[in-house]
Amino acid sequence: MLTDKKWLGFILRQVIFNALKYSNPNSTIDITWRQNQLTIADHGVGISASDLPRVFEPGFTGENGRQQQAATGMGLYMAHQVATLLGETLAIVSTENSGTAVTLTFQKEHLRLNNKL
């Protein structure tokens, strides 16, 4: 992967921390890689359909974040901004009471295959 290691780590920490924070006890977090996409999915409380379009807005805390009183509304915003600056795409899908999946899509030009660009 051709990217900034420090900032990629920042994105992954934000996404994984959220998955842990909003997961049901004893549930799993699935991390998968397919072609140029890394997906982190939890089986937690999910995000309401009304909150979902706003999760990347600065300072936005949805219903779940307000209930847990542990959200600043800056984590996903900053992760999204950093991904954009790196030339990558961060997307989120969620179903309330079922879970959330965050996908980081890397530009194919940023992938190395057999140590070749």
PDB file of N, CA and C in Angstrom:
ATOM      1  N   MET A   1       0.845  -1.169   0.000  1.00  0.00           N
ATOM      2  CA  MET A   1       0.000   0.000   0.000  1.00  0.00           C
ATOM      3  C   MET A   1       0.893   1.235   0.000  1.00  0.00           C
ATOM      4  N   LEU A   2       0.635   2.114  -0.893  1.00  0.00           N
ATOM      5  CA  LEU A   2       1.389   3.352  -1.000  1.00  0.00           C
ATOM      6  C   LEU A   2       0.558   4.452  -0.348  1.00  0.00           C
ATOM      7  N   THR A   3       0.851   4.740   0.927  1.00  0.00           N
ATOM      8  CA  THR A   3       0.096   5.756   1.656  1.00  0.00           C
ATOM      9  C   THR A   3       0.920   6.209   2.855  1.00  0.00           C
ATOM     10  N   ASP A   4       0.405   7.138   3.599  1.00  0.00           N
ATOM     11  CA  ASP A   4       1.060   7.612   4.799  1.00  0.00           C
ATOM     12  C   ASP A   4       0.689   6.711   5.972  1.00  0.00           C
ATOM     13  N   LYS A   5       1.662   6.004   6.494  1.00  0.00           N
ATOM     14  CA  LYS A   5       1.443   5.015   7.552  1.00  0.00           C
ATOM     15  C   LYS A   5       0.810   5.637   8.800  1.00  0.00           C
ATOM     16  N   LYS A   6       1.285   6.780   9.195  1.00  0.00           N
ATOM     17  CA  LYS A   6       0.777   7.436  10.404  1.00  0.00           C
ATOM     18  C   LYS A   6      -0.698   7.808  10.257  1.00  0.00           C
ATOM     19  N   TRP A   7      -1.053   8.407   9.136  1.00  0.00           N
ATOM     20  CA  TRP A   7      -2.433   8.852   8.947  1.00  0.00           C
ATOM     21  C   TRP A   7      -3.377   7.691   8.666  1.00  0.00           C
ATOM     22  N   LEU A   8      -2.885   6.664   7.999  1.00  0.00           N
ATOM     23  CA  LEU A   8      -3.707   5.466   7.814  1.00  0.00           C
ATOM     24  C   LEU A   8      -4.005   4.843   9.179  1.00  0.00           C
ATOM     25  N   GLY A   9      -3.003   4.800  10.044  1.00  0.00           N
ATOM     26  CA  GLY A   9      -3.204   4.292  11.401  1.00  0.00           C
ATOM     27  C   GLY A   9      -4.241   5.100  12.155  1.00  0.00           C
ATOM     28  N   PHE A  10      -4.211   6.413  11.970  1.00  0.00           N
ATOM     29  CA  PHE A  10      -5.203   7.282  12.613  1.00  0.00           C
ATOM     30  C   PHE A  10      -6.616   6.907  12.173  1.00  0.00           C
ATOM     31  N   ILE A  11      -6.809   6.741  10.867  1.00  0.00           N
ATOM     32  CA  ILE A  11      -8.130   6.374  10.343  1.00  0.00           C
ATOM     33  C   ILE A  11      -8.580   5.038  10.930  1.00  0.00           C
ATOM     34  N   LEU A  12      -7.699   4.060  10.884  1.00  0.00           N
ATOM     35  CA  LEU A  12      -8.060   2.722  11.371  1.00  0.00           C
ATOM     36  C   LEU A  12      -8.382   2.738  12.862  1.00  0.00           C
ATOM     37  N   ARG A  13      -7.617   3.481  13.650  1.00  0.00           N
ATOM     38  CA  ARG A  13      -7.910   3.565  15.089  1.00  0.00           C
ATOM     39  C   ARG A  13      -9.281   4.172  15.338  1.00  0.00           C
ATOM     40  N   GLN A  14      -9.624   5.219  14.613  1.00  0.00           N
ATOM     41  CA  GLN A  14     -10.932   5.851  14.791  1.00  0.00           C
ATOM     42  C   GLN A  14     -12.066   4.872  14.473  1.00  0.00           C
ATOM     43  N   VAL A  15     -11.940   4.199  13.346  1.00  0.00           N
ATOM     44  CA  VAL A  15     -12.997   3.293  12.903  1.00  0.00           C
ATOM     45  C   VAL A  15     -13.104   2.083  13.830  1.00  0.00           C
ATOM     46  N   ILE A  16     -11.980   1.500  14.192  1.00  0.00           N
ATOM     47  CA  ILE A  16     -12.007   0.324  15.063  1.00  0.00           C
ATOM     48  C   ILE A  16     -12.495   0.698  16.462  1.00  0.00           C
ATOM     49  N   PHE A  17     -12.077   1.853  16.981  1.00  0.00           N
ATOM     50  CA  PHE A  17     -12.550   2.295  18.292  1.00  0.00           C
ATOM     51  C   PHE A  17     -14.068   2.457  18.283  1.00  0.00           C
ATOM     52  N   ASN A  18     -14.603   3.062  17.225  1.00  0.00           N
ATOM     53  CA  ASN A  18     -16.063   3.203  17.135  1.00  0.00           C
ATOM     54  C   ASN A  18     -16.742   1.844  17.071  1.00  0.00           C
ATOM     55  N   ALA A  19     -16.174   0.923  16.318  1.00  0.00           N
ATOM     56  CA  ALA A  19     -16.761  -0.424  16.219  1.00  0.00           C
ATOM     57  C   ALA A  19     -16.803  -1.078  17.598  1.00  0.00           C
ATOM     58  N   LEU A  20     -15.735  -0.934  18.360  1.00  0.00           N
ATOM     59  CA  LEU A  20     -15.693  -1.503  19.712  1.00  0.00           C
ATOM     60  C   LEU A  20     -16.684  -0.803  20.637  1.00  0.00           C
ATOM     61  N   LYS A  21     -16.728   0.515  20.545  1.00  0.00           N
ATOM     62  CA  LYS A  21     -17.566   1.309  21.444  1.00  0.00           C
ATOM     63  C   LYS A  21     -19.054   1.017  21.250  1.00  0.00           C
ATOM     64  N   TYR A  22     -19.462   0.786  20.025  1.00  0.00           N
ATOM     65  CA  TYR A  22     -20.888   0.636  19.737  1.00  0.00           C
ATOM     66  C   TYR A  22     -21.306  -0.811  19.462  1.00  0.00           C
ATOM     67  N   SER A  23     -20.414  -1.766  19.717  1.00  0.00           N
ATOM     68  CA  SER A  23     -20.745  -3.177  19.519  1.00  0.00           C
ATOM     69  C   SER A  23     -21.466  -3.748  20.726  1.00  0.00           C
ATOM     70  N   ASN A  24     -22.206  -4.800  20.473  1.00  0.00           N
ATOM     71  CA  ASN A  24     -22.829  -5.534  21.562  1.00  0.00           C
ATOM     72  C   ASN A  24     -21.757  -6.354  22.279  1.00  0.00           C
ATOM     73  N   PRO A  25     -21.909  -6.535  23.594  1.00  0.00           N
ATOM     74  CA  PRO A  25     -20.936  -7.357  24.318  1.00  0.00           C
ATOM     75  C   PRO A  25     -20.840  -8.755  23.697  1.00  0.00           C
ATOM     76  N   ASN A  26     -19.641  -9.286  23.663  1.00  0.00           N
ATOM     77  CA  ASN A  26     -19.359 -10.627  23.134  1.00  0.00           C
ATOM     78  C   ASN A  26     -19.618 -10.777  21.639  1.00  0.00           C
ATOM     79  N   SER A  27     -19.828  -9.681  20.922  1.00  0.00           N
ATOM     80  CA  SER A  27     -19.991  -9.792  19.469  1.00  0.00           C
ATOM     81  C   SER A  27     -18.621  -9.675  18.804  1.00  0.00           C
ATOM     82  N   THR A  28     -18.588  -9.896  17.526  1.00  0.00           N
ATOM     83  CA  THR A  28     -17.331  -9.838  16.787  1.00  0.00           C
ATOM     84  C   THR A  28     -17.258  -8.578  15.940  1.00  0.00           C
ATOM     85  N   ILE A  29     -16.041  -8.236  15.576  1.00  0.00           N
ATOM     86  CA  ILE A  29     -15.800  -7.187  14.604  1.00  0.00           C
ATOM     87  C   ILE A  29     -15.099  -7.858  13.442  1.00  0.00           C
ATOM     88  N   ASP A  30     -15.651  -7.703  12.263  1.00  0.00           N
ATOM     89  CA  ASP A  30     -15.112  -8.347  11.073  1.00  0.00           C
ATOM     90  C   ASP A  30     -14.277  -7.351  10.281  1.00  0.00           C
ATOM     91  N   ILE A  31     -13.061  -7.752   9.950  1.00  0.00           N
ATOM     92  CA  ILE A  31     -12.180  -6.924   9.127  1.00  0.00           C
ATOM     93  C   ILE A  31     -11.865  -7.724   7.871  1.00  0.00           C
ATOM     94  N   THR A  32     -12.246  -7.173   6.735  1.00  0.00           N
ATOM     95  CA  THR A  32     -12.051  -7.889   5.476  1.00  0.00           C
ATOM     96  C   THR A  32     -11.344  -6.991   4.461  1.00  0.00           C
ATOM     97  N   TRP A  33     -10.603  -7.651   3.584  1.00  0.00           N
ATOM     98  CA  TRP A  33      -9.912  -6.973   2.479  1.00  0.00           C
ATOM     99  C   TRP A  33     -10.354  -7.630   1.186  1.00  0.00           C
ATOM    100  N   ARG A  34     -10.881  -6.842   0.264  1.00  0.00           N
ATOM    101  CA  ARG A  34     -11.261  -7.330  -1.061  1.00  0.00           C
ATOM    102  C   ARG A  34     -10.778  -6.327  -2.091  1.00  0.00           C
ATOM    103  N   GLN A  35      -9.927  -6.792  -2.961  1.00  0.00           N
ATOM    104  CA  GLN A  35      -9.325  -5.982  -4.019  1.00  0.00           C
ATOM    105  C   GLN A  35      -8.678  -4.740  -3.429  1.00  0.00           C
ATOM    106  N   ASN A  36      -9.316  -3.596  -3.493  1.00  0.00           N
ATOM    107  CA  ASN A  36      -8.726  -2.368  -2.969  1.00  0.00           C
ATOM    108  C   ASN A  36      -9.557  -1.758  -1.839  1.00  0.00           C
ATOM    109  N   GLN A  37     -10.360  -2.608  -1.150  1.00  0.00           N
ATOM    110  CA  GLN A  37     -11.227  -2.109  -0.099  1.00  0.00           C
ATOM    111  C   GLN A  37     -11.008  -2.840   1.227  1.00  0.00           C
ATOM    112  N   LEU A  38     -10.860  -2.050   2.278  1.00  0.00           N
ATOM    113  CA  LEU A  38     -10.761  -2.570   3.629  1.00  0.00           C
ATOM    114  C   LEU A  38     -12.064  -2.227   4.342  1.00  0.00           C
ATOM    115  N   THR A  39     -12.769  -3.246   4.831  1.00  0.00           N
ATOM    116  CA  THR A  39     -14.041  -3.031   5.510  1.00  0.00           C
ATOM    117  C   THR A  39     -13.945  -3.506   6.952  1.00  0.00           C
ATOM    118  N   ILE A  40     -14.417  -2.659   7.848  1.00  0.00           N
ATOM    119  CA  ILE A  40     -14.488  -2.977   9.269  1.00  0.00           C
ATOM    120  C   ILE A  40     -15.963  -2.933   9.639  1.00  0.00           C
ATOM    121  N   ALA A  41     -16.491  -4.086  10.047  1.00  0.00           N
ATOM    122  CA  ALA A  41     -17.925  -4.189  10.333  1.00  0.00           C
ATOM    123  C   ALA A  41     -18.152  -4.691  11.751  1.00  0.00           C
ATOM    124  N   ASP A  42     -19.099  -4.057  12.417  1.00  0.00           N
ATOM    125  CA  ASP A  42     -19.472  -4.513  13.751  1.00  0.00           C
ATOM    126  C   ASP A  42     -20.910  -5.020  13.726  1.00  0.00           C
ATOM    127  N   HIS A  43     -21.286  -5.656  14.810  1.00  0.00           N
ATOM    128  CA  HIS A  43     -22.642  -6.186  14.957  1.00  0.00           C
ATOM    129  C   HIS A  43     -23.269  -5.516  16.166  1.00  0.00           C
ATOM    130  N   GLY A  44     -23.254  -4.197  16.127  1.00  0.00           N
ATOM    131  CA  GLY A  44     -23.682  -3.416  17.272  1.00  0.00           C
ATOM    132  C   GLY A  44     -24.997  -2.714  17.090  1.00  0.00           C
ATOM    133  N   VAL A  45     -25.105  -1.560  17.725  1.00  0.00           N
ATOM    134  CA  VAL A  45     -26.371  -0.828  17.780  1.00  0.00           C
ATOM    135  C   VAL A  45     -26.748  -0.197  16.444  1.00  0.00           C
ATOM    136  N   GLY A  46     -25.795  -0.016  15.573  1.00  0.00           N
ATOM    137  CA  GLY A  46     -26.082   0.594  14.277  1.00  0.00           C
ATOM    138  C   GLY A  46     -26.356   2.082  14.401  1.00  0.00           C
ATOM    139  N   ILE A  47     -26.605   2.690  13.274  1.00  0.00           N
ATOM    140  CA  ILE A  47     -26.861   4.130  13.201  1.00  0.00           C
ATOM    141  C   ILE A  47     -28.227   4.324  12.570  1.00  0.00           C
ATOM    142  N   SER A  48     -29.020   5.200  13.132  1.00  0.00           N
ATOM    143  CA  SER A  48     -30.358   5.432  12.590  1.00  0.00           C
ATOM    144  C   SER A  48     -30.252   6.029  11.187  1.00  0.00           C
ATOM    145  N   ALA A  49     -31.241   5.737  10.372  1.00  0.00           N
ATOM    146  CA  ALA A  49     -31.259   6.240   8.991  1.00  0.00           C
ATOM    147  C   ALA A  49     -31.225   7.760   8.958  1.00  0.00           C
ATOM    148  N   SER A  50     -31.816   8.415   9.949  1.00  0.00           N
ATOM    149  CA  SER A  50     -31.821   9.876   9.965  1.00  0.00           C
ATOM    150  C   SER A  50     -30.456  10.458  10.335  1.00  0.00           C
ATOM    151  N   ASP A  51     -29.660   9.717  11.106  1.00  0.00           N
ATOM    152  CA  ASP A  51     -28.323  10.184  11.499  1.00  0.00           C
ATOM    153  C   ASP A  51     -27.256   9.861  10.462  1.00  0.00           C
ATOM    154  N   LEU A  52     -27.448   8.806   9.705  1.00  0.00           N
ATOM    155  CA  LEU A  52     -26.410   8.299   8.803  1.00  0.00           C
ATOM    156  C   LEU A  52     -25.843   9.338   7.832  1.00  0.00           C
ATOM    157  N   PRO A  53     -26.666  10.178   7.192  1.00  0.00           N
ATOM    158  CA  PRO A  53     -26.087  11.142   6.245  1.00  0.00           C
ATOM    159  C   PRO A  53     -25.180  12.188   6.892  1.00  0.00           C
ATOM    160  N   ARG A  54     -25.219  12.305   8.205  1.00  0.00           N
ATOM    161  CA  ARG A  54     -24.485  13.379   8.878  1.00  0.00           C
ATOM    162  C   ARG A  54     -23.235  12.907   9.628  1.00  0.00           C
ATOM    163  N   VAL A  55     -22.926  11.617   9.605  1.00  0.00           N
ATOM    164  CA  VAL A  55     -21.847  11.095  10.452  1.00  0.00           C
ATOM    165  C   VAL A  55     -20.472  11.680  10.144  1.00  0.00           C
ATOM    166  N   PHE A  56     -20.258  12.213   8.954  1.00  0.00           N
ATOM    167  CA  PHE A  56     -18.956  12.795   8.615  1.00  0.00           C
ATOM    168  C   PHE A  56     -18.929  14.310   8.802  1.00  0.00           C
ATOM    169  N   GLU A  57     -19.987  14.879   9.383  1.00  0.00           N
ATOM    170  CA  GLU A  57     -20.025  16.318   9.651  1.00  0.00           C
ATOM    171  C   GLU A  57     -19.266  16.622  10.939  1.00  0.00           C
ATOM    172  N   PRO A  58     -18.530  17.742  10.979  1.00  0.00           N
ATOM    173  CA  PRO A  58     -17.778  18.070  12.199  1.00  0.00           C
ATOM    174  C   PRO A  58     -18.714  18.335  13.376  1.00  0.00           C
ATOM    175  N   GLY A  59     -18.414  17.687  14.498  1.00  0.00           N
ATOM    176  CA  GLY A  59     -19.170  17.906  15.716  1.00  0.00           C
ATOM    177  C   GLY A  59     -20.494  17.178  15.809  1.00  0.00           C
ATOM    178  N   PHE A  60     -20.849  16.408  14.787  1.00  0.00           N
ATOM    179  CA  PHE A  60     -22.144  15.719  14.828  1.00  0.00           C
ATOM    180  C   PHE A  60     -22.054  14.470  15.684  1.00  0.00           C
ATOM    181  N   THR A  61     -22.902  14.384  16.675  1.00  0.00           N
ATOM    182  CA  THR A  61     -23.047  13.161  17.459  1.00  0.00           C
ATOM    183  C   THR A  61     -24.479  12.699  17.301  1.00  0.00           C
ATOM    184  N   GLY A  62     -24.638  11.514  16.820  1.00  0.00           N
ATOM    185  CA  GLY A  62     -25.962  10.956  16.623  1.00  0.00           C
ATOM    186  C   GLY A  62     -26.582  10.537  17.938  1.00  0.00           C
ATOM    187  N   GLU A  63     -27.726   9.954  17.829  1.00  0.00           N
ATOM    188  CA  GLU A  63     -28.482   9.517  19.006  1.00  0.00           C
ATOM    189  C   GLU A  63     -27.659   8.586  19.893  1.00  0.00           C
ATOM    190  N   ASN A  64     -26.954   7.625  19.289  1.00  0.00           N
ATOM    191  CA  ASN A  64     -26.155   6.676  20.068  1.00  0.00           C
ATOM    192  C   ASN A  64     -25.009   7.370  20.802  1.00  0.00           C
ATOM    193  N   GLY A  65     -24.367   8.298  20.149  1.00  0.00           N
ATOM    194  CA  GLY A  65     -23.268   9.029  20.776  1.00  0.00           C
ATOM    195  C   GLY A  65     -23.739   9.863  21.945  1.00  0.00           C
ATOM    196  N   ARG A  66     -24.902  10.479  21.815  1.00  0.00           N
ATOM    197  CA  ARG A  66     -25.441  11.281  22.917  1.00  0.00           C
ATOM    198  C   ARG A  66     -25.832  10.390  24.091  1.00  0.00           C
ATOM    199  N   GLN A  67     -26.360   9.200  23.802  1.00  0.00           N
ATOM    200  CA  GLN A  67     -26.749   8.283  24.874  1.00  0.00           C
ATOM    201  C   GLN A  67     -25.529   7.790  25.642  1.00  0.00           C
ATOM    202  N   GLN A  68     -24.451   7.501  24.932  1.00  0.00           N
ATOM    203  CA  GLN A  68     -23.247   6.987  25.596  1.00  0.00           C
ATOM    204  C   GLN A  68     -22.426   8.096  26.237  1.00  0.00           C
ATOM    205  N   GLN A  69     -22.684   9.321  25.884  1.00  0.00           N
ATOM    206  CA  GLN A  69     -21.969  10.488  26.398  1.00  0.00           C
ATOM    207  C   GLN A  69     -20.455  10.344  26.251  1.00  0.00           C
ATOM    208  N   ALA A  70     -20.044   9.633  25.234  1.00  0.00           N
ATOM    209  CA  ALA A  70     -18.609   9.429  25.008  1.00  0.00           C
ATOM    210  C   ALA A  70     -18.195   9.901  23.625  1.00  0.00           C
ATOM    211  N   ALA A  71     -19.070  10.607  22.937  1.00  0.00           N
ATOM    212  CA  ALA A  71     -18.788  11.013  21.566  1.00  0.00           C
ATOM    213  C   ALA A  71     -18.533  12.514  21.480  1.00  0.00           C
ATOM    214  N   THR A  72     -17.558  12.878  20.668  1.00  0.00           N
ATOM    215  CA  THR A  72     -17.275  14.292  20.425  1.00  0.00           C
ATOM    216  C   THR A  72     -17.796  14.737  19.069  1.00  0.00           C
ATOM    217  N   GLY A  73     -18.078  13.764  18.193  1.00  0.00           N
ATOM    218  CA  GLY A  73     -18.499  14.098  16.847  1.00  0.00           C
ATOM    219  C   GLY A  73     -17.347  14.479  15.945  1.00  0.00           C
ATOM    220  N   MET A  74     -16.124  14.235  16.383  1.00  0.00           N
ATOM    221  CA  MET A  74     -14.967  14.621  15.581  1.00  0.00           C
ATOM    222  C   MET A  74     -14.226  13.433  14.980  1.00  0.00           C
ATOM    223  N   GLY A  75     -14.366  12.243  15.539  1.00  0.00           N
ATOM    224  CA  GLY A  75     -13.597  11.082  15.084  1.00  0.00           C
ATOM    225  C   GLY A  75     -13.840  10.717  13.635  1.00  0.00           C
ATOM    226  N   LEU A  76     -15.089  10.457  13.279  1.00  0.00           N
ATOM    227  CA  LEU A  76     -15.385  10.087  11.891  1.00  0.00           C
ATOM    228  C   LEU A  76     -15.181  11.255  10.942  1.00  0.00           C
ATOM    229  N   TYR A  77     -15.466  12.456  11.416  1.00  0.00           N
ATOM    230  CA  TYR A  77     -15.214  13.641  10.591  1.00  0.00           C
ATOM    231  C   TYR A  77     -13.729  13.715  10.212  1.00  0.00           C
ATOM    232  N   MET A  78     -12.862  13.602  11.227  1.00  0.00           N
ATOM    233  CA  MET A  78     -11.423  13.700  10.964  1.00  0.00           C
ATOM    234  C   MET A  78     -10.926  12.528  10.128  1.00  0.00           C
ATOM    235  N   ALA A  79     -11.420  11.325  10.386  1.00  0.00           N
ATOM    236  CA  ALA A  79     -11.025  10.158   9.595  1.00  0.00           C
ATOM    237  C   ALA A  79     -11.401  10.361   8.130  1.00  0.00           C
ATOM    238  N   HIS A  80     -12.585  10.889   7.899  1.00  0.00           N
ATOM    239  CA  HIS A  80     -13.055  11.151   6.530  1.00  0.00           C
ATOM    240  C   HIS A  80     -12.181  12.205   5.855  1.00  0.00           C
ATOM    241  N   GLN A  81     -11.853  13.270   6.592  1.00  0.00           N
ATOM    242  CA  GLN A  81     -11.007  14.333   6.038  1.00  0.00           C
ATOM    243  C   GLN A  81      -9.618  13.807   5.679  1.00  0.00           C
ATOM    244  N   VAL A  82      -9.026  13.010   6.567  1.00  0.00           N
ATOM    245  CA  VAL A  82      -7.691  12.461   6.318  1.00  0.00           C
ATOM    246  C   VAL A  82      -7.722  11.518   5.120  1.00  0.00           C
ATOM    247  N   ALA A  83      -8.745  10.660   5.049  1.00  0.00           N
ATOM    248  CA  ALA A  83      -8.861   9.750   3.907  1.00  0.00           C
ATOM    249  C   ALA A  83      -8.917  10.543   2.605  1.00  0.00           C
ATOM    250  N   THR A  84      -9.688  11.607   2.600  1.00  0.00           N
ATOM    251  CA  THR A  84      -9.809  12.437   1.404  1.00  0.00           C
ATOM    252  C   THR A  84      -8.461  13.068   1.039  1.00  0.00           C
ATOM    253  N   LEU A  85      -7.740  13.564   2.041  1.00  0.00           N
ATOM    254  CA  LEU A  85      -6.429  14.165   1.776  1.00  0.00           C
ATOM    255  C   LEU A  85      -5.433  13.146   1.239  1.00  0.00           C
ATOM    256  N   LEU A  86      -5.583  11.889   1.656  1.00  0.00           N
ATOM    257  CA  LEU A  86      -4.702  10.827   1.155  1.00  0.00           C
ATOM    258  C   LEU A  86      -5.140  10.342  -0.235  1.00  0.00           C
ATOM    259  N   GLY A  87      -6.287  10.821  -0.705  1.00  0.00           N
ATOM    260  CA  GLY A  87      -6.791  10.404  -2.006  1.00  0.00           C
ATOM    261  C   GLY A  87      -7.624   9.138  -1.941  1.00  0.00           C
ATOM    262  N   GLU A  88      -8.056   8.769  -0.744  1.00  0.00           N
ATOM    263  CA  GLU A  88      -8.843   7.550  -0.567  1.00  0.00           C
ATOM    264  C   GLU A  88     -10.290   7.928  -0.227  1.00  0.00           C
ATOM    265  N   THR A  89     -11.166   6.945  -0.158  1.00  0.00           N
ATOM    266  CA  THR A  89     -12.577   7.188   0.106  1.00  0.00           C
ATOM    267  C   THR A  89     -13.011   6.414   1.338  1.00  0.00           C
ATOM    268  N   LEU A  90     -13.704   7.082   2.244  1.00  0.00           N
ATOM    269  CA  LEU A  90     -14.259   6.453   3.434  1.00  0.00           C
ATOM    270  C   LEU A  90     -15.777   6.503   3.316  1.00  0.00           C
ATOM    271  N   ALA A  91     -16.409   5.347   3.415  1.00  0.00           N
ATOM    272  CA  ALA A  91     -17.872   5.266   3.289  1.00  0.00           C
ATOM    273  C   ALA A  91     -18.425   4.427   4.430  1.00  0.00           C
ATOM    274  N   ILE A  92     -19.692   4.653   4.751  1.00  0.00           N
ATOM    275  CA  ILE A  92     -20.312   3.953   5.870  1.00  0.00           C
ATOM    276  C   ILE A  92     -21.726   3.523   5.500  1.00  0.00           C
ATOM    277  N   VAL A  93     -22.068   2.307   5.886  1.00  0.00           N
ATOM    278  CA  VAL A  93     -23.434   1.805   5.767  1.00  0.00           C
ATOM    279  C   VAL A  93     -23.810   1.232   7.126  1.00  0.00           C
ATOM    280  N   SER A  94     -25.067   1.361   7.484  1.00  0.00           N
ATOM    281  CA  SER A  94     -25.475   0.900   8.798  1.00  0.00           C
ATOM    282  C   SER A  94     -26.962   0.607   8.821  1.00  0.00           C
ATOM    283  N   THR A  95     -27.313  -0.338   9.655  1.00  0.00           N
ATOM    284  CA  THR A  95     -28.711  -0.659   9.921  1.00  0.00           C
ATOM    285  C   THR A  95     -28.897  -0.618  11.429  1.00  0.00           C
ATOM    286  N   GLU A  96     -29.846   0.176  11.865  1.00  0.00           N
ATOM    287  CA  GLU A  96     -30.086   0.307  13.297  1.00  0.00           C
ATOM    288  C   GLU A  96     -30.388  -1.058  13.918  1.00  0.00           C
ATOM    289  N   ASN A  97     -29.800  -1.308  15.068  1.00  0.00           N
ATOM    290  CA  ASN A  97     -29.936  -2.566  15.827  1.00  0.00           C
ATOM    291  C   ASN A  97     -29.331  -3.772  15.117  1.00  0.00           C
ATOM    292  N   SER A  98     -28.507  -3.533  14.110  1.00  0.00           N
ATOM    293  CA  SER A  98     -27.899  -4.636  13.378  1.00  0.00           C
ATOM    294  C   SER A  98     -26.390  -4.486  13.243  1.00  0.00           C
ATOM    295  N   GLY A  99     -25.924  -3.270  13.015  1.00  0.00           N
ATOM    296  CA  GLY A  99     -24.491  -3.061  12.894  1.00  0.00           C
ATOM    297  C   GLY A  99     -24.125  -2.021  11.861  1.00  0.00           C
ATOM    298  N   THR A 100     -22.828  -1.790  11.787  1.00  0.00           N
ATOM    299  CA  THR A 100     -22.278  -0.758  10.916  1.00  0.00           C
ATOM    300  C   THR A 100     -21.053  -1.308  10.197  1.00  0.00           C
ATOM    301  N   ALA A 101     -20.898  -0.929   8.943  1.00  0.00           N
ATOM    302  CA  ALA A 101     -19.713  -1.297   8.163  1.00  0.00           C
ATOM    303  C   ALA A 101     -19.104  -0.025   7.590  1.00  0.00           C
ATOM    304  N   VAL A 102     -17.820   0.152   7.852  1.00  0.00           N
ATOM    305  CA  VAL A 102     -17.080   1.289   7.314  1.00  0.00           C
ATOM    306  C   VAL A 102     -16.073   0.728   6.320  1.00  0.00           C
ATOM    307  N   THR A 103     -16.084   1.289   5.116  1.00  0.00           N
ATOM    308  CA  THR A 103     -15.196   0.804   4.063  1.00  0.00           C
ATOM    309  C   THR A 103     -14.243   1.913   3.638  1.00  0.00           C
ATOM    310  N   LEU A 104     -12.965   1.581   3.647  1.00  0.00           N
ATOM    311  CA  LEU A 104     -11.930   2.470   3.158  1.00  0.00           C
ATOM    312  C   LEU A 104     -11.487   1.927   1.809  1.00  0.00           C
ATOM    313  N   THR A 105     -11.745   2.709   0.768  1.00  0.00           N
ATOM    314  CA  THR A 105     -11.392   2.302  -0.588  1.00  0.00           C
ATOM    315  C   THR A 105     -10.137   3.042  -1.018  1.00  0.00           C
ATOM    316  N   PHE A 106      -9.130   2.260  -1.396  1.00  0.00           N
ATOM    317  CA  PHE A 106      -7.856   2.812  -1.825  1.00  0.00           C
ATOM    318  C   PHE A 106      -7.829   2.926  -3.342  1.00  0.00           C
ATOM    319  N   GLN A 107      -7.195   3.971  -3.819  1.00  0.00           N
ATOM    320  CA  GLN A 107      -7.005   4.090  -5.262  1.00  0.00           C
ATOM    321  C   GLN A 107      -6.171   2.909  -5.737  1.00  0.00           C
ATOM    322  N   LYS A 108      -6.549   2.349  -6.850  1.00  0.00           N
ATOM    323  CA  LYS A 108      -5.809   1.194  -7.363  1.00  0.00           C
ATOM    324  C   LYS A 108      -4.355   1.542  -7.649  1.00  0.00           C
ATOM    325  N   GLU A 109      -4.108   2.810  -7.960  1.00  0.00           N
ATOM    326  CA  GLU A 109      -2.733   3.246  -8.206  1.00  0.00           C
ATOM    327  C   GLU A 109      -1.882   3.198  -6.941  1.00  0.00           C
ATOM    328  N   HIS A 110      -2.521   3.142  -5.774  1.00  0.00           N
ATOM    329  CA  HIS A 110      -1.799   3.115  -4.508  1.00  0.00           C
ATOM    330  C   HIS A 110      -1.470   1.713  -4.040  1.00  0.00           C
ATOM    331  N   LEU A 111      -1.884   0.715  -4.796  1.00  0.00           N
ATOM    332  CA  LEU A 111      -1.622  -0.681  -4.429  1.00  0.00           C
ATOM    333  C   LEU A 111      -0.345  -1.156  -5.108  1.00  0.00           C
ATOM    334  N   ARG A 112       0.399  -1.962  -4.405  1.00  0.00           N
ATOM    335  CA  ARG A 112       1.584  -2.590  -4.980  1.00  0.00           C
ATOM    336  C   ARG A 112       1.276  -4.061  -5.160  1.00  0.00           C
ATOM    337  N   LEU A 113       1.529  -4.558  -6.341  1.00  0.00           N
ATOM    338  CA  LEU A 113       1.333  -5.972  -6.626  1.00  0.00           C
ATOM    339  C   LEU A 113       2.695  -6.577  -6.910  1.00  0.00           C
ATOM    340  N   ASN A 114       3.075  -7.556  -6.105  1.00  0.00           N
ATOM    341  CA  ASN A 114       4.382  -8.201  -6.264  1.00  0.00           C
ATOM    342  C   ASN A 114       5.515  -7.182  -6.271  1.00  0.00           C
ATOM    343  N   ASN A 115       5.436  -6.211  -5.352  1.00  0.00           N
ATOM    344  CA  ASN A 115       6.454  -5.163  -5.190  1.00  0.00           C
ATOM    345  C   ASN A 115       6.620  -4.283  -6.419  1.00  0.00           C
ATOM    346  N   LYS A 116       5.594  -4.211  -7.249  1.00  0.00           N
ATOM    347  CA  LYS A 116       5.622  -3.327  -8.407  1.00  0.00           C
ATOM    348  C   LYS A 116       4.453  -2.374  -8.300  1.00  0.00           C
ATOM    349  N   LEU A 117       4.648  -1.139  -8.765  1.00  0.00           N
ATOM    350  CA  LEU A 117       3.546  -0.177  -8.779  1.00  0.00           C
ATOM    351  C   LEU A 117       2.638  -0.422  -9.950  1.00  0.00           C
TER     352      LEU A 117
END
